[in-house]
């Protein structure tokens, strides 16, 4: 175990190019990735459901499923946007 403490004393993180980040930055970046993935997923669901709606023809069951998918994806997208705004506000207040 002495080797690790000796190594830590001799190496400087800034000399190695290792960035330093506080917990708020890590949390902010992680949440941004999660919001991005959720947003892309919602947009893909809207595109696929739109294609299904166009190609459904006169089948009322498929039309209803496609409309519901679009509705739920839009609601999910609104929730993701609101969550991003709320966490941005909270993390902004915590940094101040």
N, C-alpha and C. Protein backbone atom coordinates (compact mmCIF):
# COMPACT_ATOMS: atom_id res chain seq x y z
N UNK A 1 0.81 -1.19 0.00
CA UNK A 1 0.00 0.00 0.00
C UNK A 1 0.86 1.26 0.00
N UNK A 2 2.08 1.13 0.45
CA UNK A 2 2.95 2.30 0.44
C UNK A 2 3.24 2.77 -0.97
N UNK A 3 3.22 1.84 -1.92
CA UNK A 3 3.53 2.21 -3.29
C UNK A 3 2.50 3.19 -3.84
N UNK A 4 1.23 2.98 -3.45
CA UNK A 4 0.18 3.87 -3.94
C UNK A 4 0.28 5.26 -3.33
N UNK A 5 0.55 5.34 -2.06
CA UNK A 5 0.70 6.65 -1.44
C UNK A 5 1.95 7.36 -1.96
N UNK A 6 3.01 6.62 -2.20
CA UNK A 6 4.22 7.19 -2.77
C UNK A 6 3.96 7.68 -4.19
N UNK A 7 3.22 6.90 -4.96
CA UNK A 7 2.88 7.28 -6.33
C UNK A 7 1.99 8.52 -6.34
N UNK A 8 1.05 8.58 -5.42
CA UNK A 8 0.15 9.73 -5.35
C UNK A 8 0.91 10.99 -4.96
N UNK A 9 1.92 10.86 -4.15
CA UNK A 9 2.71 12.02 -3.74
C UNK A 9 3.58 12.53 -4.88
N UNK A 10 4.09 11.63 -5.70
CA UNK A 10 5.01 12.05 -6.75
C UNK A 10 4.28 12.54 -8.00
N UNK A 11 3.06 12.05 -8.25
CA UNK A 11 2.32 12.45 -9.43
C UNK A 11 1.37 13.59 -9.09
N UNK A 12 1.30 14.53 -9.97
CA UNK A 12 0.35 15.63 -9.83
C UNK A 12 -0.71 15.46 -10.90
N UNK A 13 -1.98 15.53 -10.51
CA UNK A 13 -3.08 15.28 -11.45
C UNK A 13 -3.10 16.29 -12.59
N UNK A 14 -2.74 17.53 -12.31
CA UNK A 14 -2.75 18.54 -13.38
C UNK A 14 -1.61 18.32 -14.36
N UNK A 15 -0.51 17.77 -13.91
CA UNK A 15 0.59 17.47 -14.82
C UNK A 15 0.24 16.35 -15.80
N UNK A 16 -0.63 15.45 -15.37
CA UNK A 16 -1.03 14.34 -16.22
C UNK A 16 -2.20 14.69 -17.13
N UNK A 17 -2.77 15.87 -16.96
CA UNK A 17 -3.90 16.27 -17.78
C UNK A 17 -5.23 15.72 -17.29
N UNK A 18 -5.28 15.28 -16.05
CA UNK A 18 -6.52 14.76 -15.48
C UNK A 18 -7.35 15.94 -14.99
N UNK A 19 -8.56 16.11 -15.52
CA UNK A 19 -9.37 17.26 -15.09
C UNK A 19 -9.93 17.05 -13.70
N UNK A 20 -10.11 18.14 -13.00
CA UNK A 20 -10.73 18.09 -11.69
C UNK A 20 -12.16 18.58 -11.83
N UNK A 21 -13.09 17.87 -11.24
CA UNK A 21 -14.49 18.25 -11.33
C UNK A 21 -15.14 18.05 -9.96
N UNK A 22 -16.01 18.98 -9.61
CA UNK A 22 -16.72 18.83 -8.35
C UNK A 22 -17.98 18.00 -8.60
N UNK A 23 -18.68 17.68 -7.53
CA UNK A 23 -19.83 16.79 -7.63
C UNK A 23 -20.97 17.42 -8.42
N UNK A 24 -21.15 18.73 -8.34
CA UNK A 24 -22.21 19.39 -9.10
C UNK A 24 -21.95 19.29 -10.61
N UNK A 25 -20.71 19.40 -11.01
CA UNK A 25 -20.38 19.29 -12.43
C UNK A 25 -20.63 17.87 -12.93
N UNK A 26 -20.24 16.90 -12.16
CA UNK A 26 -20.45 15.50 -12.55
C UNK A 26 -21.95 15.20 -12.62
N UNK A 27 -22.70 15.66 -11.63
CA UNK A 27 -24.15 15.46 -11.63
C UNK A 27 -24.80 16.16 -12.82
N UNK A 28 -24.39 17.37 -13.08
CA UNK A 28 -24.94 18.14 -14.20
C UNK A 28 -24.66 17.44 -15.53
N UNK A 29 -23.45 16.97 -15.72
CA UNK A 29 -23.09 16.29 -16.97
C UNK A 29 -23.84 14.97 -17.11
N UNK A 30 -23.97 14.23 -16.03
CA UNK A 30 -24.71 12.97 -16.07
C UNK A 30 -26.18 13.16 -16.39
N UNK A 31 -26.77 14.17 -15.79
CA UNK A 31 -28.18 14.46 -16.07
C UNK A 31 -28.36 14.94 -17.50
N UNK A 32 -27.43 15.73 -18.02
CA UNK A 32 -27.52 16.18 -19.40
C UNK A 32 -27.48 15.00 -20.37
N UNK A 33 -26.65 14.02 -20.09
CA UNK A 33 -26.60 12.82 -20.93
C UNK A 33 -27.93 12.07 -20.86
N UNK A 34 -28.48 11.93 -19.66
CA UNK A 34 -29.76 11.23 -19.50
C UNK A 34 -30.88 11.97 -20.23
N UNK A 35 -30.91 13.29 -20.13
CA UNK A 35 -31.93 14.08 -20.82
C UNK A 35 -31.77 13.97 -22.33
N UNK A 36 -30.54 13.96 -22.80
CA UNK A 36 -30.29 13.84 -24.24
C UNK A 36 -30.79 12.50 -24.76
N UNK A 37 -30.48 11.44 -24.05
CA UNK A 37 -30.92 10.10 -24.47
C UNK A 37 -32.44 10.00 -24.44
N UNK A 38 -33.07 10.54 -23.41
CA UNK A 38 -34.53 10.51 -23.32
C UNK A 38 -35.16 11.34 -24.44
N UNK A 39 -34.58 12.48 -24.76
CA UNK A 39 -35.10 13.31 -25.83
C UNK A 39 -34.98 12.65 -27.19
N UNK A 40 -33.84 12.04 -27.46
CA UNK A 40 -33.64 11.33 -28.73
C UNK A 40 -34.62 10.16 -28.83
N UNK A 41 -34.82 9.45 -27.73
CA UNK A 41 -35.76 8.33 -27.73
C UNK A 41 -37.18 8.81 -28.03
N UNK A 42 -37.59 9.91 -27.41
CA UNK A 42 -38.93 10.44 -27.65
C UNK A 42 -39.11 10.86 -29.10
N UNK A 43 -38.11 11.50 -29.67
CA UNK A 43 -38.19 11.93 -31.07
C UNK A 43 -38.27 10.72 -32.00
N UNK A 44 -37.48 9.68 -31.71
CA UNK A 44 -37.55 8.47 -32.53
C UNK A 44 -38.91 7.80 -32.44
N UNK A 45 -39.49 7.78 -31.24
CA UNK A 45 -40.83 7.19 -31.07
C UNK A 45 -41.86 8.00 -31.86
N UNK A 46 -41.74 9.31 -31.85
CA UNK A 46 -42.66 10.15 -32.62
C UNK A 46 -42.52 9.87 -34.12
N UNK A 47 -41.30 9.72 -34.60
CA UNK A 47 -41.08 9.45 -36.02
C UNK A 47 -41.65 8.08 -36.40
N UNK A 48 -41.37 7.06 -35.59
CA UNK A 48 -41.87 5.72 -35.90
C UNK A 48 -43.39 5.68 -35.82
N UNK A 49 -43.97 6.30 -34.80
CA UNK A 49 -45.43 6.32 -34.68
C UNK A 49 -46.06 7.12 -35.81
N UNK A 50 -45.42 8.18 -36.24
CA UNK A 50 -45.93 8.94 -37.38
C UNK A 50 -45.92 8.11 -38.65
N UNK A 51 -44.85 7.35 -38.86
CA UNK A 51 -44.80 6.46 -40.02
C UNK A 51 -45.89 5.39 -39.92
N UNK A 52 -46.07 4.85 -38.72
CA UNK A 52 -47.12 3.85 -38.52
C UNK A 52 -48.50 4.45 -38.78
N UNK A 53 -48.70 5.68 -38.36
CA UNK A 53 -49.98 6.35 -38.56
C UNK A 53 -50.26 6.56 -40.05
N UNK A 54 -49.24 6.94 -40.79
CA UNK A 54 -49.41 7.18 -42.22
C UNK A 54 -49.69 5.88 -42.96
N UNK A 55 -49.03 4.80 -42.56
CA UNK A 55 -49.18 3.53 -43.27
C UNK A 55 -50.28 2.65 -42.70
N UNK A 56 -51.00 3.12 -41.69
CA UNK A 56 -52.01 2.28 -41.05
C UNK A 56 -53.21 2.02 -41.95
N UNK A 57 -53.47 2.92 -42.86
CA UNK A 57 -54.63 2.73 -43.72
C UNK A 57 -55.91 2.95 -42.95
N UNK A 58 -56.81 2.01 -43.06
CA UNK A 58 -58.12 2.16 -42.41
C UNK A 58 -58.26 1.28 -41.17
N UNK A 59 -57.16 0.76 -40.65
CA UNK A 59 -57.23 -0.08 -39.45
C UNK A 59 -57.32 0.81 -38.22
N UNK A 60 -58.50 0.86 -37.58
CA UNK A 60 -58.66 1.80 -36.46
C UNK A 60 -57.80 1.44 -35.24
N UNK A 61 -57.49 0.18 -35.03
CA UNK A 61 -56.65 -0.21 -33.89
C UNK A 61 -55.23 0.31 -34.03
N UNK A 62 -54.67 0.20 -35.23
CA UNK A 62 -53.32 0.68 -35.48
C UNK A 62 -53.26 2.19 -35.42
N UNK A 63 -54.29 2.85 -35.94
CA UNK A 63 -54.34 4.32 -35.89
C UNK A 63 -54.38 4.78 -34.44
N UNK A 64 -55.18 4.13 -33.62
CA UNK A 64 -55.28 4.51 -32.20
C UNK A 64 -53.95 4.29 -31.48
N UNK A 65 -53.29 3.15 -31.75
CA UNK A 65 -51.99 2.89 -31.12
C UNK A 65 -50.95 3.94 -31.53
N UNK A 66 -50.95 4.30 -32.81
CA UNK A 66 -49.98 5.29 -33.28
C UNK A 66 -50.26 6.66 -32.67
N UNK A 67 -51.52 7.05 -32.60
CA UNK A 67 -51.87 8.35 -31.98
C UNK A 67 -51.49 8.37 -30.51
N UNK A 68 -51.76 7.27 -29.81
CA UNK A 68 -51.39 7.20 -28.39
C UNK A 68 -49.87 7.25 -28.21
N UNK A 69 -49.14 6.59 -29.10
CA UNK A 69 -47.67 6.62 -29.01
C UNK A 69 -47.15 8.03 -29.20
N UNK A 70 -47.71 8.75 -30.17
CA UNK A 70 -47.30 10.13 -30.38
C UNK A 70 -47.63 10.99 -29.17
N UNK A 71 -48.83 10.81 -28.63
CA UNK A 71 -49.25 11.59 -27.46
C UNK A 71 -48.33 11.32 -26.27
N UNK A 72 -48.06 10.05 -26.00
CA UNK A 72 -47.21 9.72 -24.85
C UNK A 72 -45.77 10.18 -25.05
N UNK A 73 -45.27 10.12 -26.28
CA UNK A 73 -43.91 10.58 -26.55
C UNK A 73 -43.81 12.09 -26.37
N UNK A 74 -44.83 12.83 -26.80
CA UNK A 74 -44.82 14.28 -26.62
C UNK A 74 -44.90 14.63 -25.14
N UNK A 75 -45.75 13.92 -24.40
CA UNK A 75 -45.84 14.15 -22.95
C UNK A 75 -44.50 13.85 -22.29
N UNK A 76 -43.85 12.75 -22.68
CA UNK A 76 -42.54 12.41 -22.14
C UNK A 76 -41.49 13.46 -22.47
N UNK A 77 -41.56 13.99 -23.68
CA UNK A 77 -40.61 15.03 -24.09
C UNK A 77 -40.81 16.31 -23.27
N UNK A 78 -42.05 16.65 -23.01
CA UNK A 78 -42.34 17.83 -22.17
C UNK A 78 -41.83 17.61 -20.75
N UNK A 79 -42.01 16.40 -20.23
CA UNK A 79 -41.53 16.09 -18.87
C UNK A 79 -40.01 16.16 -18.82
N UNK A 80 -39.34 15.66 -19.84
CA UNK A 80 -37.87 15.72 -19.88
C UNK A 80 -37.39 17.16 -19.92
N UNK A 81 -38.05 17.98 -20.73
CA UNK A 81 -37.67 19.40 -20.82
C UNK A 81 -37.89 20.10 -19.48
N UNK A 82 -39.01 19.84 -18.85
CA UNK A 82 -39.28 20.44 -17.53
C UNK A 82 -38.27 19.96 -16.49
N UNK A 83 -37.93 18.69 -16.53
CA UNK A 83 -36.95 18.16 -15.58
C UNK A 83 -35.59 18.83 -15.79
N UNK A 84 -35.22 19.05 -17.05
CA UNK A 84 -33.95 19.72 -17.34
C UNK A 84 -33.96 21.15 -16.83
N UNK A 85 -35.06 21.85 -17.02
CA UNK A 85 -35.16 23.23 -16.54
C UNK A 85 -35.10 23.28 -15.02
N UNK A 86 -35.82 22.38 -14.36
CA UNK A 86 -35.85 22.37 -12.89
C UNK A 86 -34.47 22.05 -12.33
N UNK A 87 -33.80 21.02 -12.87
CA UNK A 87 -32.48 20.68 -12.33
C UNK A 87 -31.45 21.76 -12.64
N UNK A 88 -31.58 22.40 -13.79
CA UNK A 88 -30.68 23.52 -14.10
C UNK A 88 -30.88 24.65 -13.09
N UNK A 89 -32.12 24.92 -12.75
CA UNK A 89 -32.41 25.96 -11.76
C UNK A 89 -31.86 25.59 -10.39
N UNK A 90 -32.07 24.33 -9.98
CA UNK A 90 -31.61 23.88 -8.66
C UNK A 90 -30.08 23.87 -8.59
N UNK A 91 -29.43 23.33 -9.61
CA UNK A 91 -27.97 23.29 -9.59
C UNK A 91 -27.37 24.69 -9.72
N UNK A 92 -28.07 25.56 -10.43
CA UNK A 92 -27.61 26.94 -10.53
C UNK A 92 -27.70 27.66 -9.20
N UNK A 93 -28.76 27.38 -8.45
CA UNK A 93 -28.91 27.99 -7.12
C UNK A 93 -27.91 27.41 -6.13
N UNK A 94 -27.59 26.13 -6.28
CA UNK A 94 -26.65 25.49 -5.36
C UNK A 94 -25.24 26.03 -5.57
N UNK A 95 -24.92 26.39 -6.81
CA UNK A 95 -23.57 26.91 -7.10
C UNK A 95 -23.40 28.34 -6.59
N UNK A 96 -24.50 29.07 -6.46
CA UNK A 96 -24.41 30.47 -6.05
C UNK A 96 -24.24 30.62 -4.57
